[in-house]
N, C-alpha and C. Protein backbone atom coordinates (compact mmCIF):
# COMPACT_ATOMS: atom_id res chain seq x y z
N MET A 1 -19.78 -10.84 -6.78
CA MET A 1 -19.60 -10.64 -5.34
C MET A 1 -20.92 -10.86 -4.62
N LYS A 2 -20.85 -11.52 -3.46
CA LYS A 2 -22.06 -11.75 -2.67
C LYS A 2 -22.50 -10.48 -1.94
N THR A 3 -21.56 -9.58 -1.73
CA THR A 3 -21.83 -8.39 -0.93
C THR A 3 -21.41 -7.16 -1.71
N ASP A 4 -22.19 -6.09 -1.63
CA ASP A 4 -21.81 -4.85 -2.30
C ASP A 4 -20.64 -4.21 -1.55
N PRO A 5 -19.50 -4.03 -2.23
CA PRO A 5 -18.32 -3.53 -1.51
C PRO A 5 -18.52 -2.17 -0.85
N GLU A 6 -19.12 -1.23 -1.56
CA GLU A 6 -19.25 0.11 -0.98
C GLU A 6 -20.13 0.09 0.27
N THR A 7 -21.25 -0.60 0.20
CA THR A 7 -22.14 -0.69 1.35
C THR A 7 -21.42 -1.33 2.53
N PHE A 8 -20.70 -2.41 2.25
CA PHE A 8 -20.00 -3.13 3.32
C PHE A 8 -18.90 -2.27 3.94
N ILE A 9 -18.10 -1.62 3.10
CA ILE A 9 -16.98 -0.81 3.61
C ILE A 9 -17.50 0.33 4.47
N LEU A 10 -18.53 1.01 4.02
CA LEU A 10 -19.05 2.14 4.78
C LEU A 10 -19.67 1.68 6.11
N ALA A 11 -20.22 0.46 6.13
CA ALA A 11 -20.86 -0.04 7.36
C ALA A 11 -19.86 -0.64 8.35
N ASN A 12 -18.69 -1.05 7.87
CA ASN A 12 -17.77 -1.81 8.72
C ASN A 12 -16.42 -1.14 8.96
N THR A 13 -16.32 0.12 8.59
CA THR A 13 -15.10 0.87 8.86
C THR A 13 -15.47 2.24 9.40
N GLY A 14 -14.48 2.93 9.89
CA GLY A 14 -14.65 4.32 10.29
C GLY A 14 -13.61 5.17 9.58
N VAL A 15 -13.83 6.46 9.55
CA VAL A 15 -12.84 7.36 8.96
C VAL A 15 -11.77 7.64 10.03
N LEU A 16 -10.58 7.11 9.80
CA LEU A 16 -9.48 7.22 10.75
C LEU A 16 -8.26 7.80 10.05
N ARG A 17 -7.33 8.29 10.85
CA ARG A 17 -6.07 8.83 10.32
C ARG A 17 -4.92 7.97 10.83
N PRO A 18 -4.16 7.33 9.93
CA PRO A 18 -3.04 6.51 10.38
C PRO A 18 -2.10 7.33 11.25
N PRO A 19 -1.61 6.78 12.37
CA PRO A 19 -0.83 7.58 13.31
C PRO A 19 0.43 8.20 12.72
N HIS A 20 1.04 7.54 11.75
CA HIS A 20 2.28 8.06 11.18
C HIS A 20 2.05 8.99 9.99
N VAL A 21 0.80 9.00 9.50
CA VAL A 21 0.46 9.85 8.34
C VAL A 21 -0.87 10.54 8.63
N PRO A 22 -0.92 11.42 9.62
CA PRO A 22 -2.20 12.01 10.02
C PRO A 22 -2.79 12.96 8.99
N GLU A 23 -2.00 13.30 7.97
CA GLU A 23 -2.53 14.17 6.91
C GLU A 23 -3.58 13.47 6.05
N ILE A 24 -3.62 12.15 6.13
CA ILE A 24 -4.48 11.36 5.25
C ILE A 24 -5.56 10.65 6.06
N ALA A 25 -6.80 10.73 5.58
CA ALA A 25 -7.94 10.04 6.20
C ALA A 25 -8.29 8.82 5.35
N LEU A 26 -8.63 7.72 6.01
CA LEU A 26 -8.95 6.49 5.31
C LEU A 26 -10.14 5.80 5.98
N HIS A 27 -10.88 5.03 5.20
CA HIS A 27 -11.89 4.13 5.75
C HIS A 27 -11.16 2.88 6.26
N LEU A 28 -11.02 2.76 7.57
CA LEU A 28 -10.26 1.66 8.17
C LEU A 28 -11.08 0.95 9.23
N ALA A 29 -10.73 -0.30 9.46
CA ALA A 29 -11.34 -1.07 10.56
C ALA A 29 -10.49 -0.89 11.81
N ASP A 30 -11.13 -0.90 12.96
CA ASP A 30 -10.39 -0.96 14.22
C ASP A 30 -11.14 -1.87 15.18
N GLU A 31 -10.68 -1.92 16.41
CA GLU A 31 -11.27 -2.85 17.37
C GLU A 31 -12.76 -2.62 17.60
N ALA A 32 -13.27 -1.45 17.23
CA ALA A 32 -14.68 -1.15 17.43
C ALA A 32 -15.56 -1.70 16.32
N HIS A 33 -14.96 -2.24 15.27
CA HIS A 33 -15.74 -2.69 14.12
C HIS A 33 -15.77 -4.21 14.02
N ASP A 34 -16.91 -4.74 13.60
CA ASP A 34 -17.07 -6.19 13.47
C ASP A 34 -16.06 -6.78 12.49
N LEU A 35 -15.69 -6.03 11.48
CA LEU A 35 -14.77 -6.53 10.47
C LEU A 35 -13.47 -7.00 11.10
N TRP A 36 -13.03 -6.32 12.14
CA TRP A 36 -11.79 -6.64 12.83
C TRP A 36 -11.81 -8.07 13.38
N LEU A 37 -13.00 -8.52 13.79
CA LEU A 37 -13.13 -9.78 14.52
C LEU A 37 -13.54 -10.96 13.64
N LYS A 38 -13.87 -10.70 12.38
CA LYS A 38 -14.38 -11.78 11.54
C LYS A 38 -13.28 -12.80 11.23
N THR A 39 -13.64 -14.08 11.26
CA THR A 39 -12.71 -15.15 10.92
C THR A 39 -12.65 -15.29 9.40
N GLU A 40 -11.65 -16.06 8.92
CA GLU A 40 -11.55 -16.29 7.48
C GLU A 40 -12.81 -16.97 6.95
N GLU A 41 -13.40 -17.86 7.75
CA GLU A 41 -14.62 -18.55 7.30
C GLU A 41 -15.77 -17.57 7.16
N GLU A 42 -15.88 -16.66 8.10
CA GLU A 42 -16.95 -15.65 8.03
C GLU A 42 -16.75 -14.72 6.84
N LEU A 43 -15.50 -14.36 6.57
CA LEU A 43 -15.21 -13.51 5.42
C LEU A 43 -15.55 -14.23 4.12
N GLU A 44 -15.20 -15.50 4.05
CA GLU A 44 -15.49 -16.28 2.85
C GLU A 44 -16.99 -16.39 2.63
N GLU A 45 -17.74 -16.50 3.70
CA GLU A 45 -19.20 -16.63 3.60
C GLU A 45 -19.82 -15.39 2.96
N ILE A 46 -19.26 -14.22 3.24
CA ILE A 46 -19.82 -12.99 2.63
C ILE A 46 -19.08 -12.61 1.35
N GLY A 47 -18.17 -13.50 0.89
CA GLY A 47 -17.50 -13.25 -0.38
C GLY A 47 -16.41 -12.20 -0.29
N LEU A 48 -15.75 -12.10 0.85
CA LEU A 48 -14.73 -11.07 1.05
C LEU A 48 -13.36 -11.70 1.23
N PRO A 49 -12.40 -11.39 0.34
CA PRO A 49 -11.03 -11.84 0.56
C PRO A 49 -10.48 -11.19 1.82
N PRO A 50 -9.34 -11.68 2.35
CA PRO A 50 -8.75 -11.03 3.52
C PRO A 50 -8.65 -9.51 3.31
N PRO A 51 -9.23 -8.72 4.19
CA PRO A 51 -9.39 -7.28 3.92
C PRO A 51 -8.13 -6.46 4.25
N PHE A 52 -7.05 -6.70 3.48
CA PHE A 52 -5.81 -5.97 3.71
C PHE A 52 -6.02 -4.46 3.52
N TRP A 53 -7.00 -4.11 2.69
CA TRP A 53 -7.29 -2.70 2.41
C TRP A 53 -7.87 -1.98 3.63
N ALA A 54 -8.28 -2.71 4.65
CA ALA A 54 -8.96 -2.10 5.80
C ALA A 54 -8.00 -1.69 6.91
N PHE A 55 -6.70 -1.87 6.68
CA PHE A 55 -5.71 -1.57 7.70
C PHE A 55 -4.56 -0.77 7.12
N ALA A 56 -3.98 0.11 7.93
CA ALA A 56 -2.82 0.91 7.51
C ALA A 56 -1.56 0.19 7.99
N TRP A 57 -0.98 -0.63 7.13
CA TRP A 57 0.17 -1.45 7.48
C TRP A 57 1.41 -0.58 7.63
N ALA A 58 2.35 -1.05 8.44
CA ALA A 58 3.53 -0.25 8.77
C ALA A 58 4.34 0.10 7.53
N GLY A 59 4.51 -0.85 6.61
CA GLY A 59 5.30 -0.57 5.41
C GLY A 59 4.69 0.54 4.57
N GLY A 60 3.37 0.53 4.46
CA GLY A 60 2.68 1.58 3.72
C GLY A 60 2.74 2.92 4.42
N GLN A 61 2.61 2.90 5.76
CA GLN A 61 2.69 4.16 6.51
C GLN A 61 4.07 4.79 6.36
N GLY A 62 5.11 3.97 6.48
CA GLY A 62 6.46 4.50 6.34
C GLY A 62 6.71 5.06 4.96
N LEU A 63 6.26 4.34 3.93
CA LEU A 63 6.46 4.79 2.55
C LEU A 63 5.66 6.06 2.27
N ALA A 64 4.43 6.12 2.76
CA ALA A 64 3.61 7.32 2.57
C ALA A 64 4.25 8.52 3.27
N ARG A 65 4.78 8.31 4.48
CA ARG A 65 5.46 9.39 5.20
C ARG A 65 6.67 9.90 4.41
N PHE A 66 7.43 8.97 3.84
CA PHE A 66 8.61 9.35 3.07
C PHE A 66 8.21 10.18 1.85
N VAL A 67 7.18 9.76 1.17
CA VAL A 67 6.74 10.48 -0.04
C VAL A 67 6.28 11.89 0.32
N LEU A 68 5.53 12.03 1.40
CA LEU A 68 5.07 13.35 1.82
C LEU A 68 6.24 14.24 2.26
N ASP A 69 7.23 13.64 2.90
CA ASP A 69 8.37 14.41 3.39
C ASP A 69 9.39 14.72 2.30
N HIS A 70 9.35 13.95 1.21
CA HIS A 70 10.29 14.14 0.10
C HIS A 70 9.51 14.20 -1.22
N PRO A 71 8.70 15.24 -1.39
CA PRO A 71 7.83 15.31 -2.55
C PRO A 71 8.56 15.31 -3.89
N GLU A 72 9.84 15.69 -3.88
CA GLU A 72 10.60 15.71 -5.14
C GLU A 72 10.69 14.33 -5.78
N ILE A 73 10.49 13.29 -4.99
CA ILE A 73 10.52 11.92 -5.53
C ILE A 73 9.43 11.71 -6.57
N VAL A 74 8.28 12.34 -6.37
CA VAL A 74 7.12 12.08 -7.23
C VAL A 74 6.59 13.30 -7.97
N GLN A 75 7.04 14.48 -7.62
CA GLN A 75 6.45 15.71 -8.19
C GLN A 75 6.49 15.69 -9.71
N GLY A 76 5.30 15.83 -10.30
CA GLY A 76 5.17 15.90 -11.74
C GLY A 76 5.39 14.59 -12.45
N ARG A 77 5.58 13.52 -11.71
CA ARG A 77 5.93 12.24 -12.32
C ARG A 77 4.74 11.29 -12.40
N LYS A 78 4.90 10.30 -13.26
CA LYS A 78 3.91 9.24 -13.40
C LYS A 78 4.27 8.13 -12.43
N VAL A 79 3.37 7.86 -11.47
CA VAL A 79 3.66 6.97 -10.36
C VAL A 79 2.74 5.76 -10.40
N VAL A 80 3.29 4.60 -10.10
CA VAL A 80 2.51 3.38 -9.92
C VAL A 80 2.63 2.96 -8.46
N ASP A 81 1.49 2.77 -7.78
CA ASP A 81 1.47 2.26 -6.42
C ASP A 81 1.08 0.80 -6.49
N PHE A 82 2.06 -0.07 -6.32
CA PHE A 82 1.85 -1.51 -6.48
C PHE A 82 1.36 -2.14 -5.18
N ALA A 83 0.38 -3.06 -5.31
CA ALA A 83 -0.24 -3.70 -4.14
C ALA A 83 -0.80 -2.62 -3.22
N SER A 84 -1.63 -1.80 -3.78
CA SER A 84 -2.03 -0.52 -3.17
C SER A 84 -2.87 -0.66 -1.91
N GLY A 85 -3.68 -1.71 -1.80
CA GLY A 85 -4.49 -1.90 -0.59
C GLY A 85 -5.49 -0.78 -0.39
N SER A 86 -5.32 -0.02 0.68
CA SER A 86 -6.23 1.08 0.99
C SER A 86 -6.04 2.28 0.07
N GLY A 87 -4.90 2.31 -0.63
CA GLY A 87 -4.57 3.48 -1.44
C GLY A 87 -3.77 4.53 -0.69
N LEU A 88 -3.33 4.22 0.52
CA LEU A 88 -2.61 5.19 1.35
C LEU A 88 -1.42 5.79 0.62
N VAL A 89 -0.57 4.95 0.05
CA VAL A 89 0.64 5.45 -0.61
C VAL A 89 0.29 6.22 -1.87
N ALA A 90 -0.70 5.74 -2.61
CA ALA A 90 -1.14 6.45 -3.82
C ALA A 90 -1.65 7.84 -3.48
N ILE A 91 -2.42 7.94 -2.42
CA ILE A 91 -2.96 9.23 -1.98
C ILE A 91 -1.81 10.15 -1.55
N ALA A 92 -0.85 9.62 -0.83
CA ALA A 92 0.31 10.42 -0.42
C ALA A 92 1.05 10.96 -1.64
N ALA A 93 1.19 10.13 -2.66
CA ALA A 93 1.88 10.57 -3.87
C ALA A 93 1.15 11.72 -4.56
N MET A 94 -0.17 11.61 -4.63
CA MET A 94 -0.94 12.69 -5.24
C MET A 94 -0.84 13.96 -4.39
N LYS A 95 -0.91 13.83 -3.09
CA LYS A 95 -0.79 15.00 -2.21
C LYS A 95 0.59 15.64 -2.32
N ALA A 96 1.59 14.83 -2.66
CA ALA A 96 2.95 15.33 -2.80
C ALA A 96 3.22 15.93 -4.18
N GLY A 97 2.22 15.89 -5.06
CA GLY A 97 2.35 16.57 -6.34
C GLY A 97 2.65 15.70 -7.53
N ALA A 98 2.40 14.38 -7.43
CA ALA A 98 2.59 13.51 -8.58
C ALA A 98 1.74 13.97 -9.76
N GLY A 99 2.26 13.76 -10.96
CA GLY A 99 1.49 14.12 -12.14
C GLY A 99 0.23 13.27 -12.25
N ASN A 100 0.39 11.97 -12.08
CA ASN A 100 -0.75 11.06 -11.97
C ASN A 100 -0.29 9.79 -11.28
N VAL A 101 -1.24 9.09 -10.70
CA VAL A 101 -0.94 7.87 -9.94
C VAL A 101 -1.88 6.77 -10.39
N LEU A 102 -1.30 5.61 -10.67
CA LEU A 102 -2.08 4.40 -10.94
C LEU A 102 -1.91 3.46 -9.76
N ALA A 103 -3.01 3.13 -9.09
CA ALA A 103 -2.99 2.15 -8.00
C ALA A 103 -3.28 0.78 -8.61
N ALA A 104 -2.45 -0.19 -8.27
CA ALA A 104 -2.61 -1.55 -8.81
C ALA A 104 -2.79 -2.54 -7.67
N ASP A 105 -3.86 -3.33 -7.75
CA ASP A 105 -4.10 -4.36 -6.73
C ASP A 105 -5.05 -5.39 -7.31
N ILE A 106 -4.75 -6.67 -7.12
CA ILE A 106 -5.58 -7.72 -7.71
C ILE A 106 -6.81 -8.04 -6.88
N ASP A 107 -6.88 -7.57 -5.64
CA ASP A 107 -8.06 -7.78 -4.80
C ASP A 107 -9.19 -6.90 -5.33
N PRO A 108 -10.32 -7.50 -5.78
CA PRO A 108 -11.38 -6.69 -6.38
C PRO A 108 -12.00 -5.68 -5.43
N TRP A 109 -11.89 -5.90 -4.12
CA TRP A 109 -12.46 -4.96 -3.17
C TRP A 109 -11.67 -3.67 -3.07
N THR A 110 -10.39 -3.73 -3.44
CA THR A 110 -9.56 -2.54 -3.28
C THR A 110 -9.99 -1.41 -4.21
N GLU A 111 -10.57 -1.74 -5.35
CA GLU A 111 -11.01 -0.67 -6.26
C GLU A 111 -11.99 0.27 -5.56
N THR A 112 -12.95 -0.33 -4.84
CA THR A 112 -13.93 0.48 -4.12
C THR A 112 -13.28 1.20 -2.94
N ALA A 113 -12.44 0.50 -2.19
CA ALA A 113 -11.78 1.11 -1.04
C ALA A 113 -10.94 2.31 -1.47
N ILE A 114 -10.18 2.15 -2.54
CA ILE A 114 -9.33 3.24 -3.02
C ILE A 114 -10.17 4.39 -3.54
N ARG A 115 -11.24 4.09 -4.24
CA ARG A 115 -12.11 5.17 -4.72
C ARG A 115 -12.69 5.98 -3.56
N LEU A 116 -13.17 5.28 -2.54
CA LEU A 116 -13.74 5.98 -1.37
C LEU A 116 -12.67 6.78 -0.63
N ASN A 117 -11.48 6.20 -0.50
CA ASN A 117 -10.41 6.90 0.21
C ASN A 117 -9.88 8.09 -0.59
N ALA A 118 -9.81 7.95 -1.90
CA ALA A 118 -9.38 9.08 -2.73
C ALA A 118 -10.37 10.23 -2.61
N LYS A 119 -11.65 9.89 -2.58
CA LYS A 119 -12.68 10.93 -2.43
C LYS A 119 -12.54 11.64 -1.08
N LEU A 120 -12.26 10.88 -0.03
CA LEU A 120 -12.07 11.47 1.30
C LEU A 120 -10.97 12.53 1.29
N ASN A 121 -9.95 12.28 0.47
CA ASN A 121 -8.78 13.15 0.45
C ASN A 121 -8.75 14.10 -0.74
N ASP A 122 -9.82 14.11 -1.51
CA ASP A 122 -9.99 15.04 -2.63
C ASP A 122 -8.85 14.92 -3.64
N VAL A 123 -8.52 13.67 -3.99
CA VAL A 123 -7.53 13.43 -5.04
C VAL A 123 -8.11 12.44 -6.05
N ALA A 124 -7.55 12.43 -7.24
CA ALA A 124 -7.97 11.51 -8.29
C ALA A 124 -6.87 10.47 -8.50
N ILE A 125 -7.25 9.20 -8.46
CA ILE A 125 -6.30 8.11 -8.60
C ILE A 125 -6.84 7.11 -9.61
N GLY A 126 -6.00 6.69 -10.55
CA GLY A 126 -6.38 5.63 -11.46
C GLY A 126 -6.26 4.28 -10.77
N PHE A 127 -6.88 3.27 -11.35
CA PHE A 127 -6.85 1.94 -10.72
C PHE A 127 -6.80 0.86 -11.78
N THR A 128 -6.02 -0.19 -11.51
CA THR A 128 -6.07 -1.40 -12.32
C THR A 128 -6.08 -2.62 -11.41
N SER A 129 -6.91 -3.60 -11.78
CA SER A 129 -6.95 -4.86 -11.04
C SER A 129 -6.10 -5.93 -11.72
N ALA A 130 -5.41 -5.55 -12.80
CA ALA A 130 -4.58 -6.50 -13.52
C ALA A 130 -3.36 -6.90 -12.68
N ASN A 131 -2.92 -8.13 -12.88
CA ASN A 131 -1.68 -8.57 -12.25
C ASN A 131 -0.52 -8.03 -13.09
N ILE A 132 0.12 -6.98 -12.61
CA ILE A 132 1.15 -6.32 -13.41
C ILE A 132 2.55 -6.86 -13.15
N VAL A 133 2.68 -7.83 -12.25
CA VAL A 133 4.00 -8.39 -11.96
C VAL A 133 4.59 -8.98 -13.24
N GLY A 134 5.80 -8.58 -13.57
CA GLY A 134 6.46 -9.08 -14.77
C GLY A 134 6.22 -8.27 -16.00
N THR A 135 5.35 -7.27 -15.92
CA THR A 135 5.08 -6.44 -17.08
C THR A 135 5.87 -5.14 -17.02
N MET A 136 6.15 -4.56 -18.16
CA MET A 136 6.89 -3.30 -18.20
C MET A 136 5.88 -2.15 -18.11
N VAL A 137 5.47 -1.86 -16.91
CA VAL A 137 4.48 -0.81 -16.69
C VAL A 137 5.10 0.54 -17.04
N ALA A 138 4.27 1.42 -17.56
CA ALA A 138 4.73 2.76 -17.92
C ALA A 138 4.71 3.65 -16.69
N GLY A 139 5.81 4.32 -16.43
CA GLY A 139 5.85 5.22 -15.29
C GLY A 139 7.27 5.64 -14.97
N ASP A 140 7.38 6.59 -14.07
CA ASP A 140 8.68 7.07 -13.63
C ASP A 140 9.11 6.46 -12.29
N VAL A 141 8.11 6.19 -11.44
CA VAL A 141 8.39 5.70 -10.09
C VAL A 141 7.38 4.61 -9.74
N LEU A 142 7.87 3.49 -9.22
CA LEU A 142 6.99 2.47 -8.66
C LEU A 142 7.18 2.45 -7.16
N LEU A 143 6.08 2.57 -6.44
CA LEU A 143 6.07 2.54 -4.98
C LEU A 143 5.45 1.22 -4.52
N ALA A 144 6.06 0.59 -3.52
CA ALA A 144 5.55 -0.71 -3.05
C ALA A 144 5.69 -0.78 -1.54
N GLY A 145 4.58 -0.81 -0.84
CA GLY A 145 4.59 -0.89 0.61
C GLY A 145 4.37 -2.31 1.10
N ASP A 146 5.34 -2.85 1.83
CA ASP A 146 5.20 -4.14 2.51
C ASP A 146 4.83 -5.28 1.55
N VAL A 147 5.73 -5.57 0.62
CA VAL A 147 5.45 -6.61 -0.38
C VAL A 147 6.32 -7.85 -0.24
N PHE A 148 7.27 -7.85 0.70
CA PHE A 148 8.19 -8.99 0.81
C PHE A 148 7.86 -9.91 1.98
N TYR A 149 6.55 -10.19 2.16
CA TYR A 149 6.10 -11.00 3.28
C TYR A 149 6.05 -12.49 2.95
N ASP A 150 6.23 -12.85 1.69
CA ASP A 150 6.08 -14.24 1.24
C ASP A 150 7.23 -14.57 0.30
N GLN A 151 7.85 -15.74 0.47
CA GLN A 151 9.04 -16.07 -0.31
C GLN A 151 8.75 -16.20 -1.80
N SER A 152 7.67 -16.90 -2.16
CA SER A 152 7.39 -17.09 -3.58
C SER A 152 7.04 -15.76 -4.25
N PHE A 153 6.34 -14.89 -3.52
CA PHE A 153 6.00 -13.57 -4.07
C PHE A 153 7.28 -12.74 -4.23
N ALA A 154 8.15 -12.79 -3.24
CA ALA A 154 9.42 -12.06 -3.33
C ALA A 154 10.24 -12.56 -4.52
N ASN A 155 10.23 -13.87 -4.74
CA ASN A 155 10.99 -14.43 -5.86
C ASN A 155 10.47 -13.94 -7.21
N ALA A 156 9.18 -13.62 -7.27
CA ALA A 156 8.61 -13.07 -8.50
C ALA A 156 8.90 -11.58 -8.63
N LEU A 157 8.93 -10.88 -7.49
CA LEU A 157 9.11 -9.43 -7.53
C LEU A 157 10.53 -9.01 -7.86
N ILE A 158 11.52 -9.74 -7.36
CA ILE A 158 12.91 -9.29 -7.51
C ILE A 158 13.33 -9.16 -8.98
N PRO A 159 13.10 -10.16 -9.83
CA PRO A 159 13.47 -9.97 -11.25
C PRO A 159 12.64 -8.89 -11.93
N TRP A 160 11.38 -8.75 -11.52
CA TRP A 160 10.54 -7.70 -12.09
C TRP A 160 11.06 -6.32 -11.71
N PHE A 161 11.34 -6.14 -10.43
CA PHE A 161 11.89 -4.86 -9.99
C PHE A 161 13.22 -4.57 -10.69
N THR A 162 14.03 -5.62 -10.91
CA THR A 162 15.30 -5.46 -11.60
C THR A 162 15.09 -4.95 -13.02
N ALA A 163 14.11 -5.52 -13.70
CA ALA A 163 13.82 -5.09 -15.08
C ALA A 163 13.29 -3.66 -15.12
N LEU A 164 12.42 -3.31 -14.16
CA LEU A 164 11.90 -1.94 -14.11
C LEU A 164 13.03 -0.95 -13.86
N ARG A 165 13.92 -1.30 -12.95
CA ARG A 165 15.06 -0.44 -12.66
C ARG A 165 15.93 -0.26 -13.91
N ALA A 166 16.17 -1.35 -14.64
CA ALA A 166 16.99 -1.29 -15.85
C ALA A 166 16.35 -0.42 -16.92
N SER A 167 15.02 -0.33 -16.89
CA SER A 167 14.31 0.49 -17.88
C SER A 167 14.34 1.97 -17.53
N GLY A 168 14.84 2.30 -16.34
CA GLY A 168 14.93 3.69 -15.93
C GLY A 168 13.90 4.10 -14.89
N MET A 169 13.08 3.17 -14.45
CA MET A 169 12.05 3.46 -13.45
C MET A 169 12.64 3.33 -12.04
N ARG A 170 12.36 4.27 -11.18
CA ARG A 170 12.77 4.14 -9.78
C ARG A 170 11.80 3.21 -9.05
N VAL A 171 12.32 2.36 -8.21
CA VAL A 171 11.50 1.43 -7.43
C VAL A 171 11.81 1.68 -5.96
N ILE A 172 10.79 2.14 -5.22
CA ILE A 172 10.98 2.51 -3.82
C ILE A 172 10.02 1.68 -2.96
N VAL A 173 10.58 1.07 -1.93
CA VAL A 173 9.87 0.06 -1.14
C VAL A 173 9.82 0.48 0.33
N GLY A 174 8.67 0.30 0.96
CA GLY A 174 8.57 0.45 2.41
C GLY A 174 8.47 -0.93 3.04
N ASP A 175 9.40 -1.26 3.94
CA ASP A 175 9.42 -2.61 4.50
C ASP A 175 9.63 -2.60 6.02
N PRO A 176 8.74 -3.26 6.77
CA PRO A 176 8.85 -3.30 8.24
C PRO A 176 9.60 -4.52 8.76
N GLY A 177 10.66 -4.90 8.07
CA GLY A 177 11.48 -6.02 8.54
C GLY A 177 11.01 -7.39 8.12
N ARG A 178 10.37 -7.50 6.98
CA ARG A 178 9.90 -8.81 6.51
C ARG A 178 11.09 -9.70 6.14
N SER A 179 10.91 -10.99 6.31
CA SER A 179 12.00 -11.95 6.17
C SER A 179 12.58 -12.01 4.76
N TYR A 180 11.76 -11.76 3.75
CA TYR A 180 12.19 -11.99 2.38
C TYR A 180 12.57 -10.70 1.65
N CYS A 181 12.77 -9.63 2.40
CA CYS A 181 13.18 -8.36 1.80
C CYS A 181 14.65 -8.46 1.35
N PRO A 182 14.94 -8.21 0.07
CA PRO A 182 16.30 -8.37 -0.44
C PRO A 182 17.18 -7.15 -0.12
N ARG A 183 17.54 -7.02 1.14
CA ARG A 183 18.25 -5.82 1.60
C ARG A 183 19.60 -5.63 0.91
N ASP A 184 20.20 -6.73 0.46
CA ASP A 184 21.50 -6.63 -0.19
C ASP A 184 21.39 -6.02 -1.58
N ARG A 185 20.18 -5.85 -2.07
CA ARG A 185 19.99 -5.27 -3.41
C ARG A 185 19.36 -3.89 -3.34
N MET A 186 19.34 -3.31 -2.14
CA MET A 186 18.66 -2.04 -1.96
C MET A 186 19.49 -1.07 -1.13
N GLN A 187 19.16 0.20 -1.27
CA GLN A 187 19.82 1.27 -0.52
C GLN A 187 18.80 1.92 0.40
N PRO A 188 19.12 2.04 1.70
CA PRO A 188 18.16 2.67 2.62
C PRO A 188 18.05 4.17 2.38
N LEU A 189 16.82 4.68 2.41
CA LEU A 189 16.58 6.11 2.23
C LEU A 189 16.12 6.78 3.51
N ALA A 190 15.37 6.06 4.34
CA ALA A 190 14.85 6.63 5.58
C ALA A 190 14.39 5.50 6.50
N THR A 191 14.39 5.77 7.80
CA THR A 191 13.92 4.81 8.80
C THR A 191 12.90 5.48 9.69
N TYR A 192 11.79 4.80 9.94
CA TYR A 192 10.71 5.33 10.78
C TYR A 192 10.32 4.29 11.82
N MET A 193 9.88 4.77 12.96
CA MET A 193 9.28 3.91 13.97
C MET A 193 7.77 4.13 13.88
N VAL A 194 7.06 3.16 13.35
CA VAL A 194 5.64 3.32 13.00
C VAL A 194 4.74 2.64 14.02
N PRO A 195 3.83 3.38 14.66
CA PRO A 195 2.87 2.77 15.58
C PRO A 195 1.89 1.87 14.82
N VAL A 196 1.70 0.67 15.33
CA VAL A 196 0.73 -0.27 14.74
C VAL A 196 0.00 -0.96 15.88
N THR A 197 -0.99 -1.76 15.54
CA THR A 197 -1.70 -2.51 16.57
C THR A 197 -1.13 -3.92 16.68
N ARG A 198 -1.09 -4.45 17.89
CA ARG A 198 -0.58 -5.80 18.10
C ARG A 198 -1.46 -6.86 17.46
N ALA A 199 -2.69 -6.50 17.11
CA ALA A 199 -3.56 -7.46 16.43
C ALA A 199 -3.07 -7.74 15.01
N LEU A 200 -2.29 -6.80 14.44
CA LEU A 200 -1.77 -6.98 13.09
C LEU A 200 -0.32 -7.43 13.09
N GLU A 201 0.45 -6.95 14.05
CA GLU A 201 1.88 -7.20 14.06
C GLU A 201 2.31 -7.81 15.39
N ASP A 202 3.61 -8.06 15.53
CA ASP A 202 4.13 -8.68 16.75
C ASP A 202 4.61 -7.66 17.77
N SER A 203 4.37 -6.38 17.51
CA SER A 203 4.75 -5.33 18.45
C SER A 203 3.88 -4.10 18.19
N GLU A 204 3.91 -3.13 19.08
CA GLU A 204 3.09 -1.93 18.93
C GLU A 204 3.78 -0.87 18.09
N VAL A 205 5.06 -1.03 17.85
CA VAL A 205 5.82 -0.12 16.98
C VAL A 205 6.69 -0.98 16.07
N LYS A 206 6.67 -0.71 14.77
CA LYS A 206 7.48 -1.46 13.82
C LYS A 206 8.52 -0.54 13.19
N LYS A 207 9.77 -0.94 13.28
CA LYS A 207 10.82 -0.21 12.58
C LYS A 207 10.65 -0.45 11.09
N THR A 208 10.40 0.60 10.36
CA THR A 208 10.12 0.50 8.93
C THR A 208 11.17 1.28 8.16
N ILE A 209 11.79 0.60 7.21
CA ILE A 209 12.82 1.24 6.39
C ILE A 209 12.26 1.45 4.98
N VAL A 210 12.49 2.64 4.46
CA VAL A 210 12.19 2.92 3.06
C VAL A 210 13.47 2.72 2.27
N TRP A 211 13.37 1.85 1.28
CA TRP A 211 14.52 1.45 0.49
C TRP A 211 14.33 1.86 -0.97
N GLU A 212 15.45 2.08 -1.65
CA GLU A 212 15.42 2.17 -3.11
C GLU A 212 16.03 0.89 -3.66
N PHE A 213 15.28 0.22 -4.52
CA PHE A 213 15.77 -1.02 -5.14
C PHE A 213 16.80 -0.66 -6.20
N LEU A 214 17.97 -1.31 -6.12
CA LEU A 214 19.06 -0.98 -7.04
C LEU A 214 19.25 -2.00 -8.15
N GLY A 215 18.62 -3.16 -8.03
CA GLY A 215 18.73 -4.17 -9.07
C GLY A 215 19.75 -5.25 -8.75
């Protein structure tokens, strides 16, 4: 890496509380931070992939809210937070009483972001940078916030989620209306109206549904 992740994150984010999950504090970027305004070329120059970990996306906020409101989903269980980003959902799971949580994300910067955010919230979270798509991960519940934004990615996730479900693992997804969400294969569990910024989304509030994948 051209830039030290911890130094960069601490210098370019603030400690904020996502509006839909105020119980959790995260190192996030907002309009007051230079990170918000950097172009892809500027990010590439400093060796930074698109900083998805720096924002509290609607799908993750909705899923984190659901986990906190329904702790029985994760209490005492082994949880995997897939495409974890900032670690928001993983932190919510630990706060809700999960036995342990593994955050998985292939972006190398997320390891530092999740570590810093876990420390902010006084929880312990495991981390893997491995691409776990298609693997039979060990756990009781897989949580996935906002993962159906791309058709090819969705095409890879659906058979994987089907296999995990068949193995006995619950798969719970937070989705803010993405085009490639396989709604015909899922059961809705809760609906939230999540405040977001128009710089990230096409509206200031996103209807976010928490679904259980049925296979």
